[in-house]
Amino acid sequence: MTAIEDFNFISFNSRQHALYFAQILKNAGYNSQIISTPKGVALGCGLSLKFSPHLTGAIMEVYKNNPIPIIGFYSIRRIGGYSQLRRLPMV
């Protein structure tokens, strides 16, 4: 059976911003995980914050209240060795 993984992430301009926003999310009660930025997003510092897709709206609201430089919000679906990446619009 082929493994399927869906998650969203934020790609950052700097490592400091990634770590800072991870702390903001933690303080707001949201789970996130610092990961290496997935292939397909060649810009930035190489660190991203991974989170569950169902938290996207809430995390975007936290971001709007704490704006820092980011590359963007993204969604990824991995099916076996194939990845489908798309940039998410800011709502």
PDB file of N, CA and C in Angstrom:
ATOM      1  N   MET A   1       0.839  -1.177   0.000  1.00  0.00           N
ATOM      2  CA  MET A   1       0.000   0.000   0.000  1.00  0.00           C
ATOM      3  C   MET A   1       0.891   1.249   0.000  1.00  0.00           C
ATOM      4  N   THR A   2       0.546   2.230  -0.824  1.00  0.00           N
ATOM      5  CA  THR A   2       1.314   3.458  -0.942  1.00  0.00           C
ATOM      6  C   THR A   2       0.951   4.425   0.188  1.00  0.00           C
ATOM      7  N   ALA A   3       1.968   4.981   0.810  1.00  0.00           N
ATOM      8  CA  ALA A   3       1.747   5.940   1.904  1.00  0.00           C
ATOM      9  C   ALA A   3       1.362   7.306   1.336  1.00  0.00           C
ATOM     10  N   ILE A   4       0.364   7.925   1.952  1.00  0.00           N
ATOM     11  CA  ILE A   4      -0.073   9.267   1.570  1.00  0.00           C
ATOM     12  C   ILE A   4       0.115  10.178   2.776  1.00  0.00           C
ATOM     13  N   GLU A   5       0.727  11.340   2.529  1.00  0.00           N
ATOM     14  CA  GLU A   5       0.953  12.314   3.593  1.00  0.00           C
ATOM     15  C   GLU A   5       0.511  13.680   3.091  1.00  0.00           C
ATOM     16  N   ASP A   6      -0.354  14.345   3.837  1.00  0.00           N
ATOM     17  CA  ASP A   6      -0.805  15.702   3.538  1.00  0.00           C
ATOM     18  C   ASP A   6      -0.419  16.607   4.695  1.00  0.00           C
ATOM     19  N   PHE A   7       0.188  17.745   4.379  1.00  0.00           N
ATOM     20  CA  PHE A   7       0.439  18.755   5.404  1.00  0.00           C
ATOM     21  C   PHE A   7       0.631  20.103   4.745  1.00  0.00           C
ATOM     22  N   ASN A   8       0.520  21.141   5.541  1.00  0.00           N
ATOM     23  CA  ASN A   8       0.780  22.498   5.084  1.00  0.00           C
ATOM     24  C   ASN A   8       2.011  23.013   5.814  1.00  0.00           C
ATOM     25  N   PHE A   9       2.626  24.040   5.229  1.00  0.00           N
ATOM     26  CA  PHE A   9       3.808  24.614   5.878  1.00  0.00           C
ATOM     27  C   PHE A   9       3.990  26.061   5.474  1.00  0.00           C
ATOM     28  N   ILE A  10       4.763  26.763   6.287  1.00  0.00           N
ATOM     29  CA  ILE A  10       5.163  28.142   6.013  1.00  0.00           C
ATOM     30  C   ILE A  10       6.664  28.124   5.776  1.00  0.00           C
ATOM     31  N   SER A  11       7.088  28.737   4.688  1.00  0.00           N
ATOM     32  CA  SER A  11       8.512  28.865   4.387  1.00  0.00           C
ATOM     33  C   SER A  11       8.959  30.284   4.768  1.00  0.00           C
ATOM     34  N   PHE A  12      10.126  30.384   5.391  1.00  0.00           N
ATOM     35  CA  PHE A  12      10.592  31.652   5.948  1.00  0.00           C
ATOM     36  C   PHE A  12      11.837  32.183   5.242  1.00  0.00           C
ATOM     37  N   ASN A  13      12.035  33.495   5.399  1.00  0.00           N
ATOM     38  CA  ASN A  13      13.222  34.159   4.869  1.00  0.00           C
ATOM     39  C   ASN A  13      14.453  33.919   5.730  1.00  0.00           C
ATOM     40  N   SER A  14      14.248  33.711   7.031  1.00  0.00           N
ATOM     41  CA  SER A  14      15.391  33.512   7.924  1.00  0.00           C
ATOM     42  C   SER A  14      15.065  32.468   8.983  1.00  0.00           C
ATOM     43  N   ARG A  15      16.103  31.845   9.478  1.00  0.00           N
ATOM     44  CA  ARG A  15      15.947  30.846  10.536  1.00  0.00           C
ATOM     45  C   ARG A  15      15.362  31.477  11.801  1.00  0.00           C
ATOM     46  N   GLN A  16      15.796  32.687  12.102  1.00  0.00           N
ATOM     47  CA  GLN A  16      15.296  33.394  13.280  1.00  0.00           C
ATOM     48  C   GLN A  16      13.780  33.583  13.206  1.00  0.00           C
ATOM     49  N   HIS A  17      13.284  33.950  12.012  1.00  0.00           N
ATOM     50  CA  HIS A  17      11.846  34.142  11.840  1.00  0.00           C
ATOM     51  C   HIS A  17      11.090  32.824  12.016  1.00  0.00           C
ATOM     52  N   ALA A  18      11.650  31.736  11.515  1.00  0.00           N
ATOM     53  CA  ALA A  18      11.012  30.420  11.670  1.00  0.00           C
ATOM     54  C   ALA A  18      10.911  30.046  13.145  1.00  0.00           C
ATOM     55  N   LEU A  19      11.976  30.208  13.882  1.00  0.00           N
ATOM     56  CA  LEU A  19      11.989  29.879  15.305  1.00  0.00           C
ATOM     57  C   LEU A  19      11.058  30.805  16.101  1.00  0.00           C
ATOM     58  N   TYR A  20      11.064  32.073  15.756  1.00  0.00           N
ATOM     59  CA  TYR A  20      10.215  33.056  16.426  1.00  0.00           C
ATOM     60  C   TYR A  20       8.739  32.731  16.211  1.00  0.00           C
ATOM     61  N   PHE A  21       8.358  32.431  14.955  1.00  0.00           N
ATOM     62  CA  PHE A  21       6.950  32.154  14.681  1.00  0.00           C
ATOM     63  C   PHE A  21       6.523  30.818  15.278  1.00  0.00           C
ATOM     64  N   ALA A  22       7.423  29.856  15.351  1.00  0.00           N
ATOM     65  CA  ALA A  22       7.110  28.587  16.026  1.00  0.00           C
ATOM     66  C   ALA A  22       6.738  28.851  17.482  1.00  0.00           C
ATOM     67  N   GLN A  23       7.441  29.754  18.129  1.00  0.00           N
ATOM     68  CA  GLN A  23       7.140  30.097  19.523  1.00  0.00           C
ATOM     69  C   GLN A  23       5.811  30.829  19.631  1.00  0.00           C
ATOM     70  N   ILE A  24       5.522  31.712  18.683  1.00  0.00           N
ATOM     71  CA  ILE A  24       4.230  32.412  18.669  1.00  0.00           C
ATOM     72  C   ILE A  24       3.090  31.401  18.558  1.00  0.00           C
ATOM     73  N   LEU A  25       3.231  30.430  17.649  1.00  0.00           N
ATOM     74  CA  LEU A  25       2.192  29.411  17.491  1.00  0.00           C
ATOM     75  C   LEU A  25       2.036  28.574  18.754  1.00  0.00           C
ATOM     76  N   LYS A  26       3.153  28.210  19.364  1.00  0.00           N
ATOM     77  CA  LYS A  26       3.102  27.421  20.602  1.00  0.00           C
ATOM     78  C   LYS A  26       2.361  28.193  21.695  1.00  0.00           C
ATOM     79  N   ASN A  27       2.675  29.475  21.831  1.00  0.00           N
ATOM     80  CA  ASN A  27       2.021  30.311  22.837  1.00  0.00           C
ATOM     81  C   ASN A  27       0.526  30.463  22.568  1.00  0.00           C
ATOM     82  N   ALA A  28       0.146  30.394  21.279  1.00  0.00           N
ATOM     83  CA  ALA A  28      -1.267  30.505  20.893  1.00  0.00           C
ATOM     84  C   ALA A  28      -1.987  29.161  20.996  1.00  0.00           C
ATOM     85  N   GLY A  29      -1.249  28.083  21.312  1.00  0.00           N
ATOM     86  CA  GLY A  29      -1.861  26.776  21.493  1.00  0.00           C
ATOM     87  C   GLY A  29      -1.932  25.913  20.251  1.00  0.00           C
ATOM     88  N   TYR A  30      -1.142  26.242  19.225  1.00  0.00           N
ATOM     89  CA  TYR A  30      -1.152  25.471  17.978  1.00  0.00           C
ATOM     90  C   TYR A  30       0.116  24.636  17.853  1.00  0.00           C
ATOM     91  N   ASN A  31      -0.054  23.410  17.411  1.00  0.00           N
ATOM     92  CA  ASN A  31       1.081  22.520  17.192  1.00  0.00           C
ATOM     93  C   ASN A  31       1.692  22.779  15.827  1.00  0.00           C
ATOM     94  N   SER A  32       2.995  22.844  15.790  1.00  0.00           N
ATOM     95  CA  SER A  32       3.738  22.944  14.533  1.00  0.00           C
ATOM     96  C   SER A  32       5.062  22.223  14.740  1.00  0.00           C
ATOM     97  N   GLN A  33       5.726  21.949  13.647  1.00  0.00           N
ATOM     98  CA  GLN A  33       7.006  21.253  13.697  1.00  0.00           C
ATOM     99  C   GLN A  33       7.975  21.941  12.744  1.00  0.00           C
ATOM    100  N   ILE A  34       9.181  22.204  13.203  1.00  0.00           N
ATOM    101  CA  ILE A  34      10.206  22.784  12.338  1.00  0.00           C
ATOM    102  C   ILE A  34      10.758  21.663  11.454  1.00  0.00           C
ATOM    103  N   ILE A  35      10.746  21.909  10.138  1.00  0.00           N
ATOM    104  CA  ILE A  35      11.228  20.925   9.169  1.00  0.00           C
ATOM    105  C   ILE A  35      12.156  21.605   8.173  1.00  0.00           C
ATOM    106  N   SER A  36      12.906  20.811   7.433  1.00  0.00           N
ATOM    107  CA  SER A  36      13.639  21.337   6.287  1.00  0.00           C
ATOM    108  C   SER A  36      12.624  21.667   5.202  1.00  0.00           C
ATOM    109  N   THR A  37      12.799  22.793   4.555  1.00  0.00           N
ATOM    110  CA  THR A  37      11.856  23.201   3.521  1.00  0.00           C
ATOM    111  C   THR A  37      11.824  22.162   2.402  1.00  0.00           C
ATOM    112  N   PRO A  38      10.630  21.677   2.051  1.00  0.00           N
ATOM    113  CA  PRO A  38      10.522  20.668   0.989  1.00  0.00           C
ATOM    114  C   PRO A  38      11.032  21.178  -0.356  1.00  0.00           C
ATOM    115  N   LYS A  39      11.501  20.243  -1.176  1.00  0.00           N
ATOM    116  CA  LYS A  39      11.933  20.595  -2.532  1.00  0.00           C
ATOM    117  C   LYS A  39      10.765  21.236  -3.253  1.00  0.00           C
ATOM    118  N   GLY A  40      11.069  22.152  -4.126  1.00  0.00           N
ATOM    119  CA  GLY A  40      10.030  22.865  -4.846  1.00  0.00           C
ATOM    120  C   GLY A  40       9.912  24.303  -4.380  1.00  0.00           C
ATOM    121  N   VAL A  41      10.379  24.569  -3.169  1.00  0.00           N
ATOM    122  CA  VAL A  41      10.434  25.937  -2.652  1.00  0.00           C
ATOM    123  C   VAL A  41      11.916  26.237  -2.475  1.00  0.00           C
ATOM    124  N   ALA A  42      12.509  26.776  -3.507  1.00  0.00           N
ATOM    125  CA  ALA A  42      13.957  26.956  -3.529  1.00  0.00           C
ATOM    126  C   ALA A  42      14.417  28.223  -2.811  1.00  0.00           C
ATOM    127  N   LEU A  43      13.481  29.054  -2.402  1.00  0.00           N
ATOM    128  CA  LEU A  43      13.838  30.304  -1.743  1.00  0.00           C
ATOM    129  C   LEU A  43      13.855  30.127  -0.234  1.00  0.00           C
ATOM    130  N   GLY A  44      14.458  31.075   0.445  1.00  0.00           N
ATOM    131  CA  GLY A  44      14.383  31.100   1.903  1.00  0.00           C
ATOM    132  C   GLY A  44      15.594  30.530   2.591  1.00  0.00           C
ATOM    133  N   CYS A  45      15.415  30.291   3.885  1.00  0.00           N
ATOM    134  CA  CYS A  45      16.518  29.898   4.756  1.00  0.00           C
ATOM    135  C   CYS A  45      16.687  28.388   4.864  1.00  0.00           C
ATOM    136  N   GLY A  46      15.744  27.626   4.349  1.00  0.00           N
ATOM    137  CA  GLY A  46      15.834  26.170   4.451  1.00  0.00           C
ATOM    138  C   GLY A  46      15.004  25.583   5.581  1.00  0.00           C
ATOM    139  N   LEU A  47      14.396  26.439   6.429  1.00  0.00           N
ATOM    140  CA  LEU A  47      13.528  25.953   7.494  1.00  0.00           C
ATOM    141  C   LEU A  47      12.085  26.369   7.223  1.00  0.00           C
ATOM    142  N   SER A  48      11.181  25.474   7.548  1.00  0.00           N
ATOM    143  CA  SER A  48       9.761  25.743   7.428  1.00  0.00           C
ATOM    144  C   SER A  48       9.054  25.232   8.673  1.00  0.00           C
ATOM    145  N   LEU A  49       7.811  25.675   8.869  1.00  0.00           N
ATOM    146  CA  LEU A  49       6.970  25.172   9.947  1.00  0.00           C
ATOM    147  C   LEU A  49       5.858  24.340   9.337  1.00  0.00           C
ATOM    148  N   LYS A  50       5.802  23.096   9.737  1.00  0.00           N
ATOM    149  CA  LYS A  50       4.801  22.142   9.263  1.00  0.00           C
ATOM    150  C   LYS A  50       3.631  22.131  10.236  1.00  0.00           C
ATOM    151  N   PHE A  51       2.407  22.062   9.680  1.00  0.00           N
ATOM    152  CA  PHE A  51       1.217  21.990  10.521  1.00  0.00           C
ATOM    153  C   PHE A  51       0.101  21.275   9.775  1.00  0.00           C
ATOM    154  N   SER A  52      -0.909  20.876  10.520  1.00  0.00           N
ATOM    155  CA  SER A  52      -2.041  20.150   9.962  1.00  0.00           C
ATOM    156  C   SER A  52      -2.868  21.066   9.052  1.00  0.00           C
ATOM    157  N   PRO A  53      -3.328  20.547   7.909  1.00  0.00           N
ATOM    158  CA  PRO A  53      -4.137  21.375   7.003  1.00  0.00           C
ATOM    159  C   PRO A  53      -5.373  21.986   7.655  1.00  0.00           C
ATOM    160  N   HIS A  54      -5.984  21.302   8.615  1.00  0.00           N
ATOM    161  CA  HIS A  54      -7.198  21.860   9.218  1.00  0.00           C
ATOM    162  C   HIS A  54      -6.914  23.072  10.115  1.00  0.00           C
ATOM    163  N   LEU A  55      -5.649  23.349  10.410  1.00  0.00           N
ATOM    164  CA  LEU A  55      -5.282  24.521  11.210  1.00  0.00           C
ATOM    165  C   LEU A  55      -4.921  25.743  10.356  1.00  0.00           C
ATOM    166  N   THR A  56      -4.960  25.594   9.044  1.00  0.00           N
ATOM    167  CA  THR A  56      -4.465  26.648   8.153  1.00  0.00           C
ATOM    168  C   THR A  56      -5.124  28.002   8.395  1.00  0.00           C
ATOM    169  N   GLY A  57      -6.444  28.040   8.451  1.00  0.00           N
ATOM    170  CA  GLY A  57      -7.142  29.312   8.657  1.00  0.00           C
ATOM    171  C   GLY A  57      -6.747  29.980   9.955  1.00  0.00           C
ATOM    172  N   ALA A  58      -6.692  29.207  11.027  1.00  0.00           N
ATOM    173  CA  ALA A  58      -6.322  29.757  12.334  1.00  0.00           C
ATOM    174  C   ALA A  58      -4.880  30.253  12.335  1.00  0.00           C
ATOM    175  N   ILE A  59      -3.983  29.503  11.706  1.00  0.00           N
ATOM    176  CA  ILE A  59      -2.572  29.902  11.673  1.00  0.00           C
ATOM    177  C   ILE A  59      -2.385  31.140  10.800  1.00  0.00           C
ATOM    178  N   MET A  60      -3.164  31.253   9.723  1.00  0.00           N
ATOM    179  CA  MET A  60      -3.101  32.477   8.914  1.00  0.00           C
ATOM    180  C   MET A  60      -3.551  33.686   9.724  1.00  0.00           C
ATOM    181  N   GLU A  61      -4.555  33.502  10.585  1.00  0.00           N
ATOM    182  CA  GLU A  61      -5.001  34.601  11.448  1.00  0.00           C
ATOM    183  C   GLU A  61      -3.912  34.995  12.437  1.00  0.00           C
ATOM    184  N   VAL A  62      -3.241  34.012  13.021  1.00  0.00           N
ATOM    185  CA  VAL A  62      -2.128  34.305  13.934  1.00  0.00           C
ATOM    186  C   VAL A  62      -1.050  35.074  13.176  1.00  0.00           C
ATOM    187  N   TYR A  63      -0.773  34.655  11.936  1.00  0.00           N
ATOM    188  CA  TYR A  63       0.245  35.348  11.127  1.00  0.00           C
ATOM    189  C   TYR A  63      -0.162  36.806  10.849  1.00  0.00           C
ATOM    190  N   LYS A  64      -1.429  37.013  10.522  1.00  0.00           N
ATOM    191  CA  LYS A  64      -1.895  38.376  10.231  1.00  0.00           C
ATOM    192  C   LYS A  64      -1.711  39.297  11.442  1.00  0.00           C
ATOM    193  N   ASN A  65      -1.822  38.733  12.639  1.00  0.00           N
ATOM    194  CA  ASN A  65      -1.632  39.514  13.860  1.00  0.00           C
ATOM    195  C   ASN A  65      -0.169  39.633  14.270  1.00  0.00           C
ATOM    196  N   ASN A  66       0.698  38.835  13.658  1.00  0.00           N
ATOM    197  CA  ASN A  66       2.134  38.828  13.965  1.00  0.00           C
ATOM    198  C   ASN A  66       2.932  38.734  12.664  1.00  0.00           C
ATOM    199  N   PRO A  67       2.762  39.711  11.763  1.00  0.00           N
ATOM    200  CA  PRO A  67       3.415  39.585  10.451  1.00  0.00           C
ATOM    201  C   PRO A  67       4.939  39.671  10.550  1.00  0.00           C
ATOM    202  N   ILE A  68       5.588  38.717   9.948  1.00  0.00           N
ATOM    203  CA  ILE A  68       7.046  38.705   9.820  1.00  0.00           C
ATOM    204  C   ILE A  68       7.341  38.289   8.377  1.00  0.00           C
ATOM    205  N   PRO A  69       8.541  38.532   7.883  1.00  0.00           N
ATOM    206  CA  PRO A  69       8.845  38.152   6.495  1.00  0.00           C
ATOM    207  C   PRO A  69       8.764  36.631   6.297  1.00  0.00           C
ATOM    208  N   ILE A  70       7.975  36.225   5.308  1.00  0.00           N
ATOM    209  CA  ILE A  70       7.874  34.810   4.937  1.00  0.00           C
ATOM    210  C   ILE A  70       7.975  34.689   3.420  1.00  0.00           C
ATOM    211  N   ILE A  71       8.258  33.480   2.957  1.00  0.00           N
ATOM    212  CA  ILE A  71       8.189  33.189   1.525  1.00  0.00           C
ATOM    213  C   ILE A  71       6.731  32.942   1.164  1.00  0.00           C
ATOM    214  N   GLY A  72       6.029  32.153   1.982  1.00  0.00           N
ATOM    215  CA  GLY A  72       4.618  31.912   1.740  1.00  0.00           C
ATOM    216  C   GLY A  72       4.097  30.704   2.489  1.00  0.00           C
ATOM    217  N   PHE A  73       2.790  30.504   2.364  1.00  0.00           N
ATOM    218  CA  PHE A  73       2.106  29.326   2.889  1.00  0.00           C
ATOM    219  C   PHE A  73       1.975  28.322   1.754  1.00  0.00           C
ATOM    220  N   TYR A  74       2.182  27.045   2.041  1.00  0.00           N
ATOM    221  CA  TYR A  74       2.140  25.996   1.026  1.00  0.00           C
ATOM    222  C   TYR A  74       1.397  24.773   1.538  1.00  0.00           C
ATOM    223  N   SER A  75       0.899  24.009   0.587  1.00  0.00           N
ATOM    224  CA  SER A  75       0.269  22.719   0.861  1.00  0.00           C
ATOM    225  C   SER A  75       1.045  21.666   0.073  1.00  0.00           C
ATOM    226  N   ILE A  76       1.253  20.508   0.686  1.00  0.00           N
ATOM    227  CA  ILE A  76       1.962  19.435  -0.004  1.00  0.00           C
ATOM    228  C   ILE A  76       1.235  18.121   0.226  1.00  0.00           C
ATOM    229  N   ARG A  77       1.193  17.320  -0.810  1.00  0.00           N
ATOM    230  CA  ARG A  77       0.645  15.962  -0.723  1.00  0.00           C
ATOM    231  C   ARG A  77       1.715  15.039  -1.288  1.00  0.00           C
ATOM    232  N   ARG A  78       2.135  14.104  -0.456  1.00  0.00           N
ATOM    233  CA  ARG A  78       3.140  13.119  -0.865  1.00  0.00           C
ATOM    234  C   ARG A  78       2.459  11.763  -1.010  1.00  0.00           C
ATOM    235  N   ILE A  79       2.615  11.184  -2.176  1.00  0.00           N
ATOM    236  CA  ILE A  79       2.081   9.847  -2.451  1.00  0.00           C
ATOM    237  C   ILE A  79       3.253   9.014  -2.931  1.00  0.00           C
ATOM    238  N   GLY A  80       3.715   8.125  -2.069  1.00  0.00           N
ATOM    239  CA  GLY A  80       4.908   7.353  -2.404  1.00  0.00           C
ATOM    240  C   GLY A  80       6.077   8.295  -2.626  1.00  0.00           C
ATOM    241  N   GLY A  81       6.713   8.230  -3.778  1.00  0.00           N
ATOM    242  CA  GLY A  81       7.855   9.081  -4.095  1.00  0.00           C
ATOM    243  C   GLY A  81       7.479  10.358  -4.822  1.00  0.00           C
ATOM    244  N   TYR A  82       6.197  10.605  -5.027  1.00  0.00           N
ATOM    245  CA  TYR A  82       5.727  11.772  -5.765  1.00  0.00           C
ATOM    246  C   TYR A  82       5.188  12.825  -4.801  1.00  0.00           C
ATOM    247  N   SER A  83       5.534  14.107  -5.044  1.00  0.00           N
ATOM    248  CA  SER A  83       5.023  15.206  -4.217  1.00  0.00           C
ATOM    249  C   SER A  83       4.304  16.216  -5.092  1.00  0.00           C
ATOM    250  N   GLN A  84       3.150  16.656  -4.609  1.00  0.00           N
ATOM    251  CA  GLN A  84       2.384  17.698  -5.289  1.00  0.00           C
ATOM    252  C   GLN A  84       2.370  18.916  -4.369  1.00  0.00           C
ATOM    253  N   LEU A  85       2.959  20.028  -4.818  1.00  0.00           N
ATOM    254  CA  LEU A  85       3.128  21.226  -4.024  1.00  0.00           C
ATOM    255  C   LEU A  85       2.311  22.353  -4.635  1.00  0.00           C
ATOM    256  N   ARG A  86       1.647  23.129  -3.777  1.00  0.00           N
ATOM    257  CA  ARG A  86       0.973  24.333  -4.277  1.00  0.00           C
ATOM    258  C   ARG A  86       1.031  25.436  -3.239  1.00  0.00           C
ATOM    259  N   ARG A  87       1.140  26.658  -3.734  1.00  0.00           N
ATOM    260  CA  ARG A  87       1.172  27.815  -2.853  1.00  0.00           C
ATOM    261  C   ARG A  87      -0.264  28.168  -2.476  1.00  0.00           C
ATOM    262  N   LEU A  88      -0.472  28.483  -1.203  1.00  0.00           N
ATOM    263  CA  LEU A  88      -1.797  28.831  -0.709  1.00  0.00           C
ATOM    264  C   LEU A  88      -1.974  30.356  -0.694  1.00  0.00           C
ATOM    265  N   PRO A  89      -3.115  30.822  -1.165  1.00  0.00           N
ATOM    266  CA  PRO A  89      -3.363  32.284  -1.108  1.00  0.00           C
ATOM    267  C   PRO A  89      -3.618  32.697   0.336  1.00  0.00           C
ATOM    268  N   MET A  90      -3.203  33.894   0.663  1.00  0.00           N
ATOM    269  CA  MET A  90      -3.486  34.449   1.995  1.00  0.00           C
ATOM    270  C   MET A  90      -4.951  34.872   1.999  1.00  0.00           C
ATOM    271  N   VAL A  91      -5.699  34.331   2.934  1.00  0.00           N
ATOM    272  CA  VAL A  91      -7.150  34.621   2.989  1.00  0.00           C
ATOM    273  C   VAL A  91      -7.418  35.698   3.993  1.00  0.00           C
TER     274      VAL A  91
END
